[in-house]
Amino acid sequence: MGWEALPYDCVGMARPARVSDTRIVWSWIVLVPWAVNDSKPWLDGAEIIDNPLMKDAAQKEQVFGVMRAALDARYGGAVGSRAVDDLLKSLEDELE
């Protein structure tokens, strides 16, 4: 399992570990390379899967959904706002 592309020009990785017959813990990390002024240029966490019959691909998709939600919660508003500002500036530049 290597690094995978995520929104906001980030990359992430997740790895599973079976801790009991009925529980799998996925540890994950997202690197945010452009967050140089941020106190923590990464996000990390763990997701517990209590359904050992769920296929690995479905578990991974669920965990990456959690990772994307964490990115949206942390950077969605700022990045979206900046994108709107950039679009308005480009439209103003075209009119001049």
N, C-alpha and C. Protein backbone atom coordinates (compact mmCIF):
# COMPACT_ATOMS: atom_id res chain seq x y z
N MET A 1 0.84 -1.17 0.00
CA MET A 1 0.00 0.00 0.00
C MET A 1 0.89 1.24 0.00
N GLY A 2 0.77 2.02 -1.05
CA GLY A 2 1.56 3.23 -1.15
C GLY A 2 0.71 4.46 -0.98
N TRP A 3 1.32 5.59 -1.28
CA TRP A 3 0.63 6.88 -1.18
C TRP A 3 -0.38 7.00 -2.29
N GLU A 4 -1.54 7.56 -1.98
CA GLU A 4 -2.59 7.77 -2.97
C GLU A 4 -2.99 9.24 -2.97
N ALA A 5 -3.34 9.73 -4.15
CA ALA A 5 -3.74 11.13 -4.30
C ALA A 5 -5.07 11.38 -3.61
N LEU A 6 -5.16 12.54 -2.97
CA LEU A 6 -6.38 12.98 -2.29
C LEU A 6 -6.67 14.41 -2.70
N PRO A 7 -7.86 14.92 -2.37
CA PRO A 7 -8.18 16.32 -2.70
C PRO A 7 -7.20 17.30 -2.06
N TYR A 8 -7.19 18.51 -2.59
CA TYR A 8 -6.37 19.63 -2.09
C TYR A 8 -4.88 19.37 -2.28
N ASP A 9 -4.50 18.61 -3.32
CA ASP A 9 -3.10 18.30 -3.62
C ASP A 9 -2.40 17.61 -2.46
N CYS A 10 -3.11 16.73 -1.79
CA CYS A 10 -2.55 15.97 -0.67
C CYS A 10 -2.38 14.51 -1.08
N VAL A 11 -1.63 13.77 -0.29
CA VAL A 11 -1.50 12.34 -0.48
C VAL A 11 -1.77 11.65 0.85
N GLY A 12 -2.26 10.42 0.77
CA GLY A 12 -2.58 9.70 1.99
C GLY A 12 -2.27 8.23 1.89
N MET A 13 -2.17 7.61 3.05
CA MET A 13 -1.90 6.18 3.14
C MET A 13 -2.70 5.62 4.32
N ALA A 14 -3.19 4.41 4.16
CA ALA A 14 -3.92 3.72 5.24
C ALA A 14 -3.48 2.27 5.27
N ARG A 15 -3.37 1.74 6.49
CA ARG A 15 -2.96 0.35 6.67
C ARG A 15 -3.83 -0.31 7.73
N PRO A 16 -4.26 -1.55 7.44
CA PRO A 16 -5.11 -2.26 8.41
C PRO A 16 -4.29 -3.14 9.37
N ALA A 17 -4.86 -3.38 10.54
CA ALA A 17 -4.30 -4.33 11.51
C ALA A 17 -5.47 -5.00 12.22
N ARG A 18 -5.53 -6.30 12.17
CA ARG A 18 -6.60 -7.03 12.85
C ARG A 18 -6.22 -7.11 14.33
N VAL A 19 -7.09 -6.60 15.20
CA VAL A 19 -6.80 -6.60 16.63
C VAL A 19 -7.60 -7.65 17.40
N SER A 20 -8.61 -8.21 16.74
CA SER A 20 -9.38 -9.31 17.33
C SER A 20 -10.10 -10.02 16.19
N ASP A 21 -10.85 -11.04 16.53
CA ASP A 21 -11.59 -11.77 15.49
C ASP A 21 -12.68 -10.92 14.84
N THR A 22 -13.15 -9.90 15.55
CA THR A 22 -14.25 -9.08 15.03
C THR A 22 -13.88 -7.63 14.79
N ARG A 23 -12.64 -7.26 14.98
CA ARG A 23 -12.28 -5.83 14.89
C ARG A 23 -10.99 -5.65 14.10
N ILE A 24 -11.06 -4.69 13.16
CA ILE A 24 -9.90 -4.31 12.35
C ILE A 24 -9.69 -2.81 12.54
N VAL A 25 -8.47 -2.41 12.83
CA VAL A 25 -8.15 -1.00 13.00
C VAL A 25 -7.31 -0.55 11.80
N TRP A 26 -7.79 0.49 11.14
CA TRP A 26 -7.06 1.10 10.04
C TRP A 26 -6.40 2.37 10.56
N SER A 27 -5.09 2.44 10.47
CA SER A 27 -4.36 3.67 10.79
C SER A 27 -4.16 4.43 9.49
N TRP A 28 -4.32 5.75 9.55
CA TRP A 28 -4.17 6.53 8.31
C TRP A 28 -3.43 7.83 8.58
N ILE A 29 -2.81 8.33 7.51
CA ILE A 29 -2.11 9.62 7.56
C ILE A 29 -2.30 10.31 6.22
N VAL A 30 -2.47 11.62 6.27
CA VAL A 30 -2.57 12.46 5.07
C VAL A 30 -1.49 13.53 5.18
N LEU A 31 -0.64 13.63 4.16
CA LEU A 31 0.37 14.68 4.13
C LEU A 31 -0.17 15.88 3.37
N VAL A 32 0.02 17.06 3.94
CA VAL A 32 -0.45 18.31 3.35
C VAL A 32 0.81 19.14 3.04
N PRO A 33 1.43 18.90 1.87
CA PRO A 33 2.74 19.51 1.60
C PRO A 33 2.73 21.03 1.51
N TRP A 34 1.60 21.64 1.20
CA TRP A 34 1.56 23.09 1.03
C TRP A 34 1.23 23.81 2.32
N ALA A 35 0.98 23.11 3.40
CA ALA A 35 0.60 23.73 4.67
C ALA A 35 1.84 24.10 5.48
N VAL A 36 2.70 24.93 4.90
CA VAL A 36 3.97 25.26 5.55
C VAL A 36 3.78 26.09 6.81
N ASN A 37 2.78 26.92 6.88
CA ASN A 37 2.56 27.76 8.05
C ASN A 37 1.64 27.09 9.08
N ASP A 38 1.19 25.91 8.76
CA ASP A 38 0.31 25.19 9.66
C ASP A 38 1.16 24.52 10.74
N SER A 39 0.62 24.41 11.93
CA SER A 39 1.38 23.80 13.02
C SER A 39 1.56 22.31 12.79
N LYS A 40 0.73 21.72 11.99
CA LYS A 40 0.80 20.28 11.74
C LYS A 40 0.46 20.02 10.28
N PRO A 41 1.46 19.87 9.41
CA PRO A 41 1.17 19.69 7.97
C PRO A 41 0.77 18.26 7.61
N TRP A 42 0.08 17.61 8.51
CA TRP A 42 -0.45 16.29 8.24
C TRP A 42 -1.70 16.09 9.09
N LEU A 43 -2.50 15.14 8.68
CA LEU A 43 -3.66 14.69 9.45
C LEU A 43 -3.47 13.20 9.67
N ASP A 44 -3.80 12.71 10.83
CA ASP A 44 -3.69 11.28 11.07
C ASP A 44 -4.84 10.83 11.95
N GLY A 45 -5.06 9.54 11.92
CA GLY A 45 -6.13 9.01 12.74
C GLY A 45 -6.25 7.51 12.58
N ALA A 46 -7.30 6.99 13.13
CA ALA A 46 -7.58 5.55 13.05
C ALA A 46 -9.07 5.36 12.89
N GLU A 47 -9.41 4.34 12.17
CA GLU A 47 -10.82 4.00 11.94
C GLU A 47 -11.00 2.52 12.32
N ILE A 48 -11.97 2.25 13.16
CA ILE A 48 -12.23 0.89 13.60
C ILE A 48 -13.35 0.29 12.74
N ILE A 49 -13.07 -0.87 12.19
CA ILE A 49 -14.06 -1.60 11.40
C ILE A 49 -14.51 -2.80 12.23
N ASP A 50 -15.78 -2.83 12.58
CA ASP A 50 -16.32 -3.93 13.40
C ASP A 50 -16.99 -5.00 12.56
N ASN A 51 -16.79 -4.96 11.27
CA ASN A 51 -17.39 -5.95 10.38
C ASN A 51 -16.26 -6.70 9.67
N PRO A 52 -15.76 -7.79 10.25
CA PRO A 52 -14.64 -8.50 9.65
C PRO A 52 -14.97 -9.18 8.33
N LEU A 53 -16.26 -9.29 8.00
CA LEU A 53 -16.66 -9.90 6.74
C LEU A 53 -16.64 -8.90 5.58
N MET A 54 -16.50 -7.61 5.90
CA MET A 54 -16.43 -6.59 4.86
C MET A 54 -15.14 -6.80 4.06
N LYS A 55 -15.25 -6.74 2.77
CA LYS A 55 -14.07 -6.94 1.92
C LYS A 55 -13.06 -5.82 2.15
N ASP A 56 -11.78 -6.14 1.91
CA ASP A 56 -10.70 -5.18 2.12
C ASP A 56 -10.90 -3.90 1.31
N ALA A 57 -11.35 -4.05 0.07
CA ALA A 57 -11.55 -2.87 -0.79
C ALA A 57 -12.64 -1.96 -0.22
N ALA A 58 -13.70 -2.54 0.32
CA ALA A 58 -14.77 -1.74 0.91
C ALA A 58 -14.30 -1.06 2.19
N GLN A 59 -13.50 -1.76 2.99
CA GLN A 59 -12.94 -1.15 4.19
C GLN A 59 -12.05 0.05 3.81
N LYS A 60 -11.20 -0.18 2.83
CA LYS A 60 -10.28 0.89 2.40
C LYS A 60 -11.06 2.10 1.89
N GLU A 61 -12.10 1.87 1.12
CA GLU A 61 -12.92 2.97 0.61
C GLU A 61 -13.58 3.73 1.75
N GLN A 62 -14.05 3.02 2.75
CA GLN A 62 -14.65 3.67 3.92
C GLN A 62 -13.63 4.54 4.65
N VAL A 63 -12.42 4.03 4.83
CA VAL A 63 -11.37 4.78 5.52
C VAL A 63 -10.95 5.99 4.71
N PHE A 64 -10.81 5.85 3.39
CA PHE A 64 -10.44 7.00 2.57
C PHE A 64 -11.56 8.03 2.55
N GLY A 65 -12.80 7.61 2.72
CA GLY A 65 -13.90 8.56 2.87
C GLY A 65 -13.75 9.39 4.14
N VAL A 66 -13.33 8.75 5.21
CA VAL A 66 -13.07 9.46 6.47
C VAL A 66 -11.92 10.46 6.27
N MET A 67 -10.90 10.05 5.55
CA MET A 67 -9.75 10.93 5.30
C MET A 67 -10.18 12.15 4.48
N ARG A 68 -10.99 11.93 3.44
CA ARG A 68 -11.47 13.05 2.62
C ARG A 68 -12.34 13.99 3.44
N ALA A 69 -13.17 13.44 4.30
CA ALA A 69 -14.03 14.27 5.16
C ALA A 69 -13.18 15.12 6.10
N ALA A 70 -12.11 14.54 6.63
CA ALA A 70 -11.21 15.29 7.51
C ALA A 70 -10.55 16.44 6.76
N LEU A 71 -10.14 16.19 5.52
CA LEU A 71 -9.55 17.26 4.70
C LEU A 71 -10.58 18.35 4.41
N ASP A 72 -11.79 17.96 4.06
CA ASP A 72 -12.85 18.94 3.80
C ASP A 72 -13.11 19.79 5.03
N ALA A 73 -13.18 19.14 6.19
CA ALA A 73 -13.46 19.88 7.42
C ALA A 73 -12.34 20.87 7.74
N ARG A 74 -11.11 20.48 7.46
CA ARG A 74 -9.98 21.34 7.83
C ARG A 74 -9.67 22.41 6.78
N TYR A 75 -9.77 22.06 5.50
CA TYR A 75 -9.32 22.98 4.45
C TYR A 75 -10.40 23.37 3.44
N GLY A 76 -11.56 22.74 3.47
CA GLY A 76 -12.58 22.97 2.45
C GLY A 76 -13.00 24.41 2.32
N GLY A 77 -13.29 25.07 3.42
CA GLY A 77 -13.74 26.45 3.37
C GLY A 77 -12.66 27.39 2.86
N ALA A 78 -11.46 27.25 3.37
CA ALA A 78 -10.36 28.14 2.97
C ALA A 78 -9.98 27.96 1.51
N VAL A 79 -9.88 26.71 1.07
CA VAL A 79 -9.49 26.44 -0.32
C VAL A 79 -10.61 26.86 -1.26
N GLY A 80 -11.86 26.58 -0.90
CA GLY A 80 -12.99 26.99 -1.73
C GLY A 80 -13.09 28.49 -1.84
N SER A 81 -12.89 29.19 -0.75
CA SER A 81 -12.93 30.65 -0.75
C SER A 81 -11.82 31.22 -1.62
N ARG A 82 -10.63 30.64 -1.50
CA ARG A 82 -9.50 31.11 -2.31
C ARG A 82 -9.76 30.86 -3.79
N ALA A 83 -10.40 29.74 -4.13
CA ALA A 83 -10.71 29.43 -5.52
C ALA A 83 -11.68 30.45 -6.09
N VAL A 84 -12.68 30.84 -5.30
CA VAL A 84 -13.63 31.86 -5.76
C VAL A 84 -12.92 33.19 -5.96
N ASP A 85 -12.06 33.58 -5.02
CA ASP A 85 -11.31 34.83 -5.15
C ASP A 85 -10.43 34.81 -6.40
N ASP A 86 -9.78 33.69 -6.67
CA ASP A 86 -8.93 33.56 -7.86
C ASP A 86 -9.75 33.67 -9.14
N LEU A 87 -10.94 33.07 -9.14
CA LEU A 87 -11.80 33.14 -10.31
C LEU A 87 -12.25 34.58 -10.56
N LEU A 88 -12.69 35.27 -9.51
CA LEU A 88 -13.13 36.66 -9.68
C LEU A 88 -11.98 37.54 -10.16
N LYS A 89 -10.80 37.33 -9.65
CA LYS A 89 -9.63 38.12 -10.08
C LYS A 89 -9.33 37.85 -11.54
N SER A 90 -9.41 36.59 -11.98
CA SER A 90 -9.13 36.29 -13.38
C SER A 90 -10.18 36.92 -14.28
N LEU A 91 -11.46 36.96 -13.85
CA LEU A 91 -12.50 37.60 -14.65
C LEU A 91 -12.27 39.11 -14.73
N GLU A 92 -11.85 39.71 -13.63
CA GLU A 92 -11.55 41.14 -13.64
C GLU A 92 -10.38 41.45 -14.55
N ASP A 93 -9.37 40.61 -14.54
CA ASP A 93 -8.20 40.80 -15.41
C ASP A 93 -8.58 40.71 -16.88
N GLU A 94 -9.52 39.82 -17.22
CA GLU A 94 -9.95 39.68 -18.60
C GLU A 94 -10.73 40.91 -19.07
N LEU A 95 -11.44 41.56 -18.17
CA LEU A 95 -12.22 42.73 -18.53
C LEU A 95 -11.34 43.97 -18.74
N GLU A 96 -10.17 43.98 -18.17
CA GLU A 96 -9.30 45.16 -18.29
C GLU A 96 -8.56 45.20 -19.59
